[in-house]
Amino acid sequence: PPPVATTGMLIINEGNYYSGIDGSLSYFDYATGKMTNNVFASMNGKSLGGTPNDIISCGGQYFIPVTEENLVWILDENMKALTSFQVTKPRRVAAGGNSVFISSYDGHVYAYNLTTKTLTKSEVVGACLEDIVFLRDYVYVCNAYNADYTYNTNVVKLKASNLEKVADITVLCNPTSIETDGNNIY
């Protein structure tokens, strides 16, 4: 899709959960060239968590999955935490229709309905699910690897309306990234 004019960029810094190094959120202002670090901690007086992995803007709010803490933060446009909700091992997020979709290392895809603020989940569709996208009423998620670190060769296609599995799409070993241009999946 065509780029959207913005005044800056948000940057997720993952941290290291096992070493006790918290992740953080930074903001880079294009006009001034200034980087502001620890935006979440400054606005909320607490840590974002050790393993924030992604961020998406949807409906005037930001969604940040934090894997080892088993939660997804919802922030307002000023980065103030509105709430959070529990998801087992959330990894990446995508938006489509009236939902935010969350991939998980527990093998499920979760859908957070923006109107009802309810969470639904798929049946197990893989193992350690990585990147996720939404395109034309479907969700596509990378099924990267298994608990024993053997690698998979599929992207799972699900109906966005009910998270029912439609197909496995064969790809190269260990898929971790997926993108859409609004017409195609890459």
N, C-alpha and C. Protein backbone atom coordinates (compact mmCIF):
# COMPACT_ATOMS: atom_id res chain seq x y z
N PRO A 1 0.84 -1.21 0.00
CA PRO A 1 0.00 0.00 0.00
C PRO A 1 0.86 1.25 0.00
N PRO A 2 0.33 2.37 -0.48
CA PRO A 2 1.13 3.59 -0.48
C PRO A 2 1.52 3.98 0.94
N PRO A 3 2.72 4.55 1.12
CA PRO A 3 3.13 4.94 2.48
C PRO A 3 2.24 6.04 3.04
N VAL A 4 2.06 6.00 4.34
CA VAL A 4 1.27 7.01 5.03
C VAL A 4 2.23 8.04 5.62
N ALA A 5 1.93 9.32 5.38
CA ALA A 5 2.78 10.37 5.94
C ALA A 5 2.65 10.38 7.45
N THR A 6 3.78 10.35 8.13
CA THR A 6 3.79 10.37 9.58
C THR A 6 4.83 11.35 10.06
N THR A 7 4.83 11.60 11.34
CA THR A 7 5.81 12.52 11.92
C THR A 7 6.95 11.78 12.60
N GLY A 8 6.81 10.46 12.75
CA GLY A 8 7.86 9.73 13.43
C GLY A 8 7.66 8.24 13.33
N MET A 9 8.52 7.50 14.03
CA MET A 9 8.51 6.05 13.98
C MET A 9 8.66 5.47 15.38
N LEU A 10 7.83 4.46 15.69
CA LEU A 10 7.95 3.73 16.95
C LEU A 10 8.86 2.53 16.73
N ILE A 11 9.72 2.25 17.68
CA ILE A 11 10.68 1.15 17.58
C ILE A 11 10.56 0.27 18.82
N ILE A 12 10.31 -1.03 18.58
CA ILE A 12 10.26 -2.01 19.67
C ILE A 12 11.67 -2.55 19.88
N ASN A 13 12.14 -2.53 21.10
CA ASN A 13 13.44 -3.08 21.48
C ASN A 13 13.17 -4.31 22.33
N GLU A 14 13.49 -5.50 21.82
CA GLU A 14 13.03 -6.74 22.44
C GLU A 14 13.55 -6.99 23.86
N GLY A 15 14.75 -6.67 24.17
CA GLY A 15 15.28 -7.01 25.49
C GLY A 15 15.69 -8.46 25.53
N ASN A 16 15.95 -8.97 26.75
CA ASN A 16 16.32 -10.37 26.92
C ASN A 16 15.71 -10.87 28.22
N TYR A 17 14.65 -11.61 28.11
CA TYR A 17 13.90 -12.09 29.26
C TYR A 17 14.78 -12.90 30.21
N TYR A 18 15.57 -13.81 29.66
CA TYR A 18 16.37 -14.72 30.49
C TYR A 18 17.52 -14.03 31.20
N SER A 19 17.99 -12.93 30.66
CA SER A 19 19.07 -12.18 31.32
C SER A 19 18.53 -11.02 32.16
N GLY A 20 17.22 -10.88 32.20
CA GLY A 20 16.61 -9.83 33.01
C GLY A 20 16.73 -8.44 32.41
N ILE A 21 16.93 -8.36 31.09
CA ILE A 21 17.03 -7.07 30.41
C ILE A 21 15.66 -6.77 29.80
N ASP A 22 14.98 -5.75 30.31
CA ASP A 22 13.65 -5.42 29.83
C ASP A 22 13.68 -4.86 28.42
N GLY A 23 12.62 -5.15 27.69
CA GLY A 23 12.42 -4.52 26.39
C GLY A 23 11.93 -3.10 26.60
N SER A 24 11.86 -2.35 25.52
CA SER A 24 11.40 -0.97 25.65
C SER A 24 10.81 -0.49 24.33
N LEU A 25 10.26 0.70 24.40
CA LEU A 25 9.66 1.35 23.23
C LEU A 25 10.34 2.69 23.04
N SER A 26 10.82 2.94 21.82
CA SER A 26 11.47 4.20 21.50
C SER A 26 10.68 4.92 20.41
N TYR A 27 10.86 6.24 20.33
CA TYR A 27 10.20 7.04 19.29
C TYR A 27 11.26 7.91 18.61
N PHE A 28 11.28 7.83 17.27
CA PHE A 28 12.18 8.66 16.48
C PHE A 28 11.37 9.73 15.76
N ASP A 29 11.67 11.01 16.02
CA ASP A 29 10.97 12.14 15.41
C ASP A 29 11.68 12.51 14.11
N TYR A 30 10.99 12.39 12.98
CA TYR A 30 11.60 12.67 11.68
C TYR A 30 12.05 14.12 11.54
N ALA A 31 11.27 15.06 12.02
CA ALA A 31 11.58 16.48 11.84
C ALA A 31 12.82 16.91 12.61
N THR A 32 12.95 16.43 13.84
CA THR A 32 14.06 16.88 14.68
C THR A 32 15.24 15.92 14.68
N GLY A 33 15.01 14.69 14.23
CA GLY A 33 16.06 13.68 14.28
C GLY A 33 16.32 13.18 15.70
N LYS A 34 15.41 13.48 16.62
CA LYS A 34 15.60 13.12 18.03
C LYS A 34 14.99 11.74 18.32
N MET A 35 15.74 10.94 19.04
CA MET A 35 15.28 9.63 19.52
C MET A 35 14.91 9.76 20.98
N THR A 36 13.70 9.35 21.33
CA THR A 36 13.26 9.31 22.72
C THR A 36 13.14 7.85 23.12
N ASN A 37 13.90 7.45 24.10
CA ASN A 37 13.91 6.06 24.55
C ASN A 37 12.99 5.88 25.77
N ASN A 38 12.65 4.63 26.05
CA ASN A 38 11.86 4.26 27.22
C ASN A 38 10.52 5.00 27.30
N VAL A 39 9.86 5.15 26.15
CA VAL A 39 8.58 5.86 26.08
C VAL A 39 7.52 5.18 26.93
N PHE A 40 7.40 3.87 26.85
CA PHE A 40 6.39 3.15 27.62
C PHE A 40 6.63 3.33 29.12
N ALA A 41 7.85 3.11 29.56
CA ALA A 41 8.17 3.23 30.99
C ALA A 41 7.92 4.65 31.49
N SER A 42 8.26 5.64 30.69
CA SER A 42 8.03 7.04 31.08
C SER A 42 6.55 7.37 31.23
N MET A 43 5.74 6.85 30.32
CA MET A 43 4.30 7.16 30.34
C MET A 43 3.54 6.33 31.38
N ASN A 44 4.06 5.15 31.72
CA ASN A 44 3.28 4.24 32.54
C ASN A 44 3.91 3.88 33.89
N GLY A 45 5.15 4.27 34.10
CA GLY A 45 5.80 4.01 35.38
C GLY A 45 6.08 2.54 35.64
N LYS A 46 6.15 1.75 34.55
CA LYS A 46 6.47 0.33 34.69
C LYS A 46 7.09 -0.17 33.40
N SER A 47 7.62 -1.37 33.48
CA SER A 47 8.29 -1.98 32.33
C SER A 47 7.28 -2.51 31.32
N LEU A 48 7.67 -2.45 30.07
CA LEU A 48 6.90 -3.06 28.98
C LEU A 48 6.96 -4.58 29.09
N GLY A 49 8.05 -5.10 29.64
CA GLY A 49 8.29 -6.53 29.75
C GLY A 49 9.59 -6.89 29.08
N GLY A 50 10.00 -8.13 29.25
CA GLY A 50 11.30 -8.54 28.73
C GLY A 50 11.31 -8.90 27.26
N THR A 51 10.14 -9.24 26.69
CA THR A 51 10.14 -9.75 25.32
C THR A 51 9.04 -9.18 24.43
N PRO A 52 8.94 -7.84 24.32
CA PRO A 52 8.01 -7.30 23.34
C PRO A 52 8.54 -7.62 21.94
N ASN A 53 7.66 -8.06 21.04
CA ASN A 53 8.11 -8.55 19.74
C ASN A 53 7.57 -7.81 18.54
N ASP A 54 6.52 -7.05 18.69
CA ASP A 54 5.87 -6.44 17.54
C ASP A 54 5.00 -5.30 18.03
N ILE A 55 4.55 -4.46 17.11
CA ILE A 55 3.60 -3.39 17.44
C ILE A 55 2.77 -3.12 16.20
N ILE A 56 1.49 -2.84 16.43
CA ILE A 56 0.61 -2.47 15.32
C ILE A 56 -0.34 -1.39 15.81
N SER A 57 -0.65 -0.47 14.91
CA SER A 57 -1.63 0.57 15.18
C SER A 57 -2.95 0.14 14.56
N CYS A 58 -4.03 0.21 15.36
CA CYS A 58 -5.33 -0.21 14.86
C CYS A 58 -6.42 0.51 15.65
N GLY A 59 -7.30 1.21 14.95
CA GLY A 59 -8.42 1.87 15.62
C GLY A 59 -8.00 2.91 16.63
N GLY A 60 -6.90 3.61 16.37
CA GLY A 60 -6.42 4.64 17.29
C GLY A 60 -5.73 4.09 18.52
N GLN A 61 -5.42 2.80 18.50
CA GLN A 61 -4.72 2.18 19.62
C GLN A 61 -3.54 1.38 19.09
N TYR A 62 -2.60 1.11 19.99
CA TYR A 62 -1.44 0.29 19.65
C TYR A 62 -1.51 -1.02 20.42
N PHE A 63 -1.14 -2.11 19.75
CA PHE A 63 -1.13 -3.43 20.35
C PHE A 63 0.31 -3.96 20.34
N ILE A 64 0.80 -4.39 21.51
CA ILE A 64 2.16 -4.89 21.64
C ILE A 64 2.14 -6.26 22.33
N PRO A 65 2.48 -7.35 21.60
CA PRO A 65 2.58 -8.66 22.24
C PRO A 65 3.91 -8.80 22.98
N VAL A 66 3.86 -9.40 24.17
CA VAL A 66 5.05 -9.60 24.99
C VAL A 66 5.11 -11.09 25.34
N THR A 67 5.98 -11.83 24.66
CA THR A 67 5.95 -13.30 24.65
C THR A 67 6.07 -13.94 26.02
N GLU A 68 7.17 -13.76 26.70
CA GLU A 68 7.40 -14.48 27.96
C GLU A 68 6.48 -14.03 29.09
N GLU A 69 5.94 -12.83 28.97
CA GLU A 69 5.01 -12.34 29.99
C GLU A 69 3.57 -12.78 29.72
N ASN A 70 3.34 -13.41 28.56
CA ASN A 70 2.01 -13.93 28.20
C ASN A 70 0.93 -12.86 28.20
N LEU A 71 1.23 -11.71 27.58
CA LEU A 71 0.23 -10.66 27.52
C LEU A 71 0.39 -9.80 26.28
N VAL A 72 -0.69 -9.08 25.97
CA VAL A 72 -0.69 -8.09 24.90
C VAL A 72 -1.14 -6.78 25.52
N TRP A 73 -0.30 -5.75 25.38
CA TRP A 73 -0.64 -4.41 25.87
C TRP A 73 -1.49 -3.70 24.83
N ILE A 74 -2.44 -2.89 25.30
CA ILE A 74 -3.18 -1.96 24.43
C ILE A 74 -2.86 -0.56 24.94
N LEU A 75 -2.32 0.27 24.05
CA LEU A 75 -1.91 1.63 24.40
C LEU A 75 -2.74 2.65 23.63
N ASP A 76 -2.89 3.84 24.18
CA ASP A 76 -3.53 4.92 23.42
C ASP A 76 -2.48 5.61 22.55
N GLU A 77 -2.87 6.65 21.84
CA GLU A 77 -1.97 7.32 20.91
C GLU A 77 -0.80 8.01 21.61
N ASN A 78 -0.91 8.25 22.92
CA ASN A 78 0.17 8.86 23.69
C ASN A 78 1.05 7.84 24.38
N MET A 79 0.83 6.55 24.09
CA MET A 79 1.58 5.43 24.64
C MET A 79 1.22 5.12 26.09
N LYS A 80 0.09 5.64 26.54
CA LYS A 80 -0.42 5.32 27.87
C LYS A 80 -1.13 3.97 27.80
N ALA A 81 -0.80 3.06 28.71
CA ALA A 81 -1.43 1.74 28.74
C ALA A 81 -2.89 1.87 29.13
N LEU A 82 -3.77 1.40 28.24
CA LEU A 82 -5.20 1.38 28.53
C LEU A 82 -5.57 0.11 29.28
N THR A 83 -5.01 -1.00 28.82
CA THR A 83 -5.25 -2.30 29.43
C THR A 83 -4.28 -3.31 28.84
N SER A 84 -4.38 -4.53 29.30
CA SER A 84 -3.66 -5.64 28.69
C SER A 84 -4.56 -6.85 28.80
N PHE A 85 -4.28 -7.87 28.00
CA PHE A 85 -5.03 -9.12 28.11
C PHE A 85 -4.07 -10.28 27.95
N GLN A 86 -4.45 -11.41 28.54
CA GLN A 86 -3.60 -12.60 28.56
C GLN A 86 -3.72 -13.40 27.26
N VAL A 87 -2.58 -13.76 26.73
CA VAL A 87 -2.45 -14.67 25.59
C VAL A 87 -1.21 -15.50 25.87
N THR A 88 -1.29 -16.80 25.69
CA THR A 88 -0.13 -17.65 25.93
C THR A 88 0.90 -17.45 24.83
N LYS A 89 2.07 -17.01 25.20
CA LYS A 89 3.23 -16.85 24.30
C LYS A 89 2.90 -16.08 23.01
N PRO A 90 2.32 -14.85 23.09
CA PRO A 90 2.02 -14.09 21.88
C PRO A 90 3.30 -13.67 21.16
N ARG A 91 3.25 -13.64 19.85
CA ARG A 91 4.47 -13.37 19.10
C ARG A 91 4.36 -12.15 18.18
N ARG A 92 3.44 -12.20 17.21
CA ARG A 92 3.30 -11.11 16.24
C ARG A 92 1.82 -10.75 16.12
N VAL A 93 1.53 -9.55 15.56
CA VAL A 93 0.16 -9.07 15.43
C VAL A 93 -0.12 -8.56 14.02
N ALA A 94 -1.38 -8.67 13.61
CA ALA A 94 -1.86 -8.13 12.33
C ALA A 94 -3.29 -7.65 12.56
N ALA A 95 -3.73 -6.70 11.77
CA ALA A 95 -5.09 -6.18 11.89
C ALA A 95 -5.85 -6.41 10.60
N GLY A 96 -7.15 -6.66 10.74
CA GLY A 96 -8.01 -6.83 9.58
C GLY A 96 -9.45 -6.93 10.00
N GLY A 97 -10.33 -6.38 9.16
CA GLY A 97 -11.74 -6.39 9.53
C GLY A 97 -11.89 -5.61 10.81
N ASN A 98 -12.48 -6.21 11.80
CA ASN A 98 -12.69 -5.57 13.09
C ASN A 98 -11.90 -6.27 14.19
N SER A 99 -10.76 -6.87 13.81
CA SER A 99 -10.00 -7.65 14.79
C SER A 99 -8.51 -7.40 14.69
N VAL A 100 -7.83 -7.70 15.78
CA VAL A 100 -6.38 -7.80 15.80
C VAL A 100 -6.07 -9.27 15.98
N PHE A 101 -5.24 -9.82 15.10
CA PHE A 101 -4.89 -11.24 15.12
C PHE A 101 -3.50 -11.40 15.71
N ILE A 102 -3.34 -12.43 16.53
CA ILE A 102 -2.09 -12.62 17.27
C ILE A 102 -1.60 -14.04 17.04
N SER A 103 -0.36 -14.17 16.57
CA SER A 103 0.24 -15.50 16.47
C SER A 103 0.84 -15.85 17.83
N SER A 104 1.02 -17.14 18.07
CA SER A 104 1.48 -17.56 19.38
C SER A 104 2.41 -18.77 19.30
N TYR A 105 3.32 -18.83 20.24
CA TYR A 105 4.20 -19.99 20.34
C TYR A 105 3.49 -21.20 20.93
N ASP A 106 2.21 -21.07 21.27
CA ASP A 106 1.47 -22.24 21.75
C ASP A 106 0.70 -22.93 20.61
N GLY A 107 0.90 -22.47 19.37
CA GLY A 107 0.29 -23.11 18.21
C GLY A 107 -1.07 -22.57 17.81
N HIS A 108 -1.59 -21.60 18.55
CA HIS A 108 -2.89 -21.01 18.25
C HIS A 108 -2.74 -19.65 17.57
N VAL A 109 -3.78 -19.25 16.87
CA VAL A 109 -3.96 -17.88 16.43
C VAL A 109 -5.11 -17.32 17.25
N TYR A 110 -4.93 -16.14 17.80
CA TYR A 110 -5.95 -15.49 18.60
C TYR A 110 -6.52 -14.31 17.83
N ALA A 111 -7.80 -14.01 18.06
CA ALA A 111 -8.44 -12.84 17.46
C ALA A 111 -9.05 -12.01 18.58
N TYR A 112 -8.66 -10.74 18.63
CA TYR A 112 -9.21 -9.80 19.61
C TYR A 112 -10.18 -8.90 18.86
N ASN A 113 -11.48 -9.01 19.18
CA ASN A 113 -12.50 -8.22 18.52
C ASN A 113 -12.48 -6.80 19.09
N LEU A 114 -12.32 -5.81 18.22
CA LEU A 114 -12.18 -4.43 18.67
C LEU A 114 -13.48 -3.84 19.21
N THR A 115 -14.63 -4.35 18.79
CA THR A 115 -15.91 -3.83 19.27
C THR A 115 -16.30 -4.47 20.59
N THR A 116 -16.28 -5.79 20.64
CA THR A 116 -16.73 -6.50 21.84
C THR A 116 -15.62 -6.66 22.88
N LYS A 117 -14.38 -6.41 22.45
CA LYS A 117 -13.21 -6.57 23.32
C LYS A 117 -13.13 -8.00 23.90
N THR A 118 -13.46 -8.96 23.03
CA THR A 118 -13.38 -10.36 23.43
C THR A 118 -12.28 -11.05 22.64
N LEU A 119 -11.80 -12.12 23.20
CA LEU A 119 -10.69 -12.87 22.61
C LEU A 119 -11.18 -14.26 22.25
N THR A 120 -10.90 -14.68 21.02
CA THR A 120 -11.18 -16.05 20.60
C THR A 120 -9.87 -16.66 20.13
N LYS A 121 -9.83 -17.98 20.06
CA LYS A 121 -8.61 -18.61 19.57
C LYS A 121 -8.95 -19.75 18.64
N SER A 122 -8.02 -20.06 17.77
CA SER A 122 -8.17 -21.16 16.83
C SER A 122 -7.91 -22.47 17.54
N GLU A 123 -8.19 -23.55 16.86
CA GLU A 123 -7.66 -24.84 17.26
C GLU A 123 -6.16 -24.76 17.03
N VAL A 124 -5.40 -25.69 17.53
CA VAL A 124 -3.96 -25.70 17.28
C VAL A 124 -3.73 -25.84 15.78
N VAL A 125 -2.99 -24.91 15.19
CA VAL A 125 -2.75 -24.94 13.74
C VAL A 125 -1.28 -25.15 13.40
N GLY A 126 -0.42 -25.17 14.40
CA GLY A 126 1.01 -25.34 14.16
C GLY A 126 1.72 -25.48 15.49
N ALA A 127 2.98 -25.11 15.50
CA ALA A 127 3.78 -25.21 16.72
C ALA A 127 4.17 -23.81 17.17
N CYS A 128 5.35 -23.39 16.83
CA CYS A 128 5.82 -22.04 17.18
C CYS A 128 5.50 -21.13 16.00
N LEU A 129 4.38 -20.41 16.13
CA LEU A 129 3.90 -19.55 15.05
C LEU A 129 4.61 -18.21 15.12
N GLU A 130 5.05 -17.74 13.98
CA GLU A 130 5.78 -16.46 13.92
C GLU A 130 4.89 -15.39 13.28
N ASP A 131 5.35 -14.79 12.17
CA ASP A 131 4.69 -13.64 11.57
C ASP A 131 3.28 -13.97 11.09
N ILE A 132 2.45 -12.94 10.98
CA ILE A 132 1.04 -13.11 10.64
C ILE A 132 0.58 -11.91 9.83
N VAL A 133 -0.29 -12.15 8.83
CA VAL A 133 -0.89 -11.07 8.04
C VAL A 133 -2.36 -11.38 7.79
N PHE A 134 -3.09 -10.34 7.43
CA PHE A 134 -4.51 -10.45 7.07
C PHE A 134 -4.65 -9.98 5.63
N LEU A 135 -5.42 -10.73 4.83
CA LEU A 135 -5.71 -10.33 3.45
C LEU A 135 -7.04 -10.94 3.04
N ARG A 136 -7.97 -10.08 2.64
CA ARG A 136 -9.26 -10.49 2.08
C ARG A 136 -9.97 -11.58 2.89
N ASP A 137 -10.24 -11.31 4.11
CA ASP A 137 -10.99 -12.21 4.98
C ASP A 137 -10.25 -13.48 5.40
N TYR A 138 -8.95 -13.50 5.18
CA TYR A 138 -8.13 -14.64 5.60
C TYR A 138 -6.94 -14.15 6.41
N VAL A 139 -6.48 -15.02 7.30
CA VAL A 139 -5.28 -14.78 8.09
C VAL A 139 -4.26 -15.83 7.66
N TYR A 140 -3.02 -15.39 7.47
CA TYR A 140 -1.92 -16.28 7.09
C TYR A 140 -0.86 -16.18 8.18
N VAL A 141 -0.40 -17.33 8.66
CA VAL A 141 0.56 -17.34 9.76
C VAL A 141 1.69 -18.33 9.47
N CYS A 142 2.92 -17.92 9.77
CA CYS A 142 4.11 -18.75 9.56
C CYS A 142 4.23 -19.79 10.67
N ASN A 143 4.28 -21.05 10.30
CA ASN A 143 4.49 -22.15 11.24
C ASN A 143 5.98 -22.49 11.19
N ALA A 144 6.76 -21.80 11.99
CA ALA A 144 8.22 -21.82 11.87
C ALA A 144 8.88 -23.13 12.30
N TYR A 145 8.73 -23.48 13.56
CA TYR A 145 9.45 -24.65 14.05
C TYR A 145 8.67 -25.31 15.18
N ASN A 146 9.21 -26.43 15.67
CA ASN A 146 8.57 -27.21 16.72
C ASN A 146 9.34 -27.08 18.03
N ALA A 147 8.77 -27.58 19.10
CA ALA A 147 9.41 -27.50 20.42
C ALA A 147 10.78 -28.15 20.44
N ASP A 148 11.01 -29.17 19.60
CA ASP A 148 12.31 -29.84 19.56
C ASP A 148 13.26 -29.20 18.54
N TYR A 149 12.88 -28.03 18.04
CA TYR A 149 13.67 -27.23 17.09
C TYR A 149 13.85 -27.90 15.73
N THR A 150 12.94 -28.79 15.37
CA THR A 150 12.87 -29.23 13.98
C THR A 150 12.03 -28.19 13.25
N TYR A 151 12.32 -27.97 11.99
CA TYR A 151 11.70 -26.88 11.26
C TYR A 151 10.53 -27.34 10.40
N ASN A 152 9.56 -26.47 10.25
CA ASN A 152 8.39 -26.73 9.44
C ASN A 152 8.51 -26.04 8.08
N THR A 153 7.63 -26.41 7.16
CA THR A 153 7.67 -25.87 5.80
C THR A 153 6.27 -25.44 5.36
N ASN A 154 5.55 -24.76 6.28
CA ASN A 154 4.21 -24.33 5.88
C ASN A 154 3.79 -23.00 6.49
N VAL A 155 2.92 -22.34 5.72
CA VAL A 155 2.19 -21.17 6.19
C VAL A 155 0.74 -21.64 6.27
N VAL A 156 0.08 -21.32 7.37
CA VAL A 156 -1.29 -21.77 7.58
C VAL A 156 -2.25 -20.64 7.19
N LYS A 157 -3.27 -20.99 6.40
CA LYS A 157 -4.31 -20.05 5.99
C LYS A 157 -5.57 -20.36 6.79
N LEU A 158 -6.14 -19.33 7.44
CA LEU A 158 -7.34 -19.48 8.25
C LEU A 158 -8.41 -18.47 7.82
N LYS A 159 -9.67 -18.82 8.00
CA LYS A 159 -10.76 -17.86 7.82
C LYS A 159 -10.68 -16.87 8.96
N ALA A 160 -10.70 -15.58 8.66
CA ALA A 160 -10.62 -14.57 9.71
C ALA A 160 -11.87 -14.56 10.59
N SER A 161 -13.01 -14.92 10.04
CA SER A 161 -14.28 -14.83 10.77
C SER A 161 -14.37 -15.82 11.93
N ASN A 162 -13.78 -17.02 11.77
CA ASN A 162 -13.91 -18.02 12.82
C ASN A 162 -12.61 -18.77 13.15
N LEU A 163 -11.52 -18.35 12.54
CA LEU A 163 -10.19 -18.94 12.72
C LEU A 163 -10.14 -20.43 12.36
N GLU A 164 -11.02 -20.83 11.46
CA GLU A 164 -11.01 -22.20 10.96
C GLU A 164 -9.91 -22.36 9.92
N LYS A 165 -9.13 -23.43 10.06
CA LYS A 165 -8.03 -23.69 9.14
C LYS A 165 -8.58 -24.04 7.76
N VAL A 166 -8.04 -23.38 6.73
CA VAL A 166 -8.45 -23.60 5.35
C VAL A 166 -7.44 -24.45 4.61
N ALA A 167 -6.14 -24.14 4.82
CA ALA A 167 -5.11 -24.85 4.06
C ALA A 167 -3.74 -24.65 4.69
N ASP A 168 -2.85 -25.57 4.35
CA ASP A 168 -1.42 -25.41 4.60
C ASP A 168 -0.79 -25.06 3.26
N ILE A 169 0.00 -24.01 3.24
CA ILE A 169 0.69 -23.60 2.02
C ILE A 169 2.16 -23.98 2.19
N THR A 170 2.68 -24.81 1.30
CA THR A 170 4.06 -25.27 1.39
C THR A 170 5.01 -24.14 0.99
N VAL A 171 6.00 -23.91 1.85
CA VAL A 171 7.03 -22.90 1.62
C VAL A 171 8.38 -23.51 1.99
N LEU A 172 9.43 -22.72 1.93
CA LEU A 172 10.75 -23.20 2.33
C LEU A 172 10.81 -23.40 3.85
N CYS A 173 11.82 -24.07 4.29
CA CYS A 173 12.03 -24.43 5.68
C CYS A 173 12.10 -23.21 6.62
N ASN A 174 11.41 -23.31 7.77
CA ASN A 174 11.46 -22.32 8.85
C ASN A 174 10.93 -20.94 8.44
N PRO A 175 9.69 -20.84 7.98
CA PRO A 175 9.16 -19.52 7.61
C PRO A 175 8.98 -18.64 8.84
N THR A 176 9.53 -17.43 8.81
CA THR A 176 9.41 -16.53 9.96
C THR A 176 8.83 -15.17 9.61
N SER A 177 8.83 -14.79 8.33
CA SER A 177 8.31 -13.48 7.93
C SER A 177 7.31 -13.64 6.80
N ILE A 178 6.28 -12.84 6.84
CA ILE A 178 5.27 -12.85 5.79
C ILE A 178 4.76 -11.41 5.63
N GLU A 179 4.51 -11.01 4.40
CA GLU A 179 4.06 -9.65 4.11
C GLU A 179 2.94 -9.69 3.08
N THR A 180 2.17 -8.62 3.02
CA THR A 180 1.17 -8.47 1.98
C THR A 180 1.26 -7.05 1.42
N ASP A 181 0.98 -6.92 0.12
CA ASP A 181 0.91 -5.61 -0.51
C ASP A 181 -0.54 -5.20 -0.72
N GLY A 182 -1.47 -5.94 -0.13
CA GLY A 182 -2.89 -5.68 -0.30
C GLY A 182 -3.52 -6.51 -1.40
N ASN A 183 -2.67 -7.15 -2.21
CA ASN A 183 -3.15 -8.04 -3.27
C ASN A 183 -2.53 -9.42 -3.21
N ASN A 184 -1.31 -9.49 -2.77
CA ASN A 184 -0.55 -10.73 -2.75
C ASN A 184 0.07 -10.96 -1.38
N ILE A 185 0.44 -12.22 -1.15
CA ILE A 185 1.18 -12.59 0.07
C ILE A 185 2.60 -12.93 -0.34
N TYR A 186 3.56 -12.47 0.42
CA TYR A 186 4.98 -12.76 0.13
C TYR A 186 5.62 -13.39 1.35
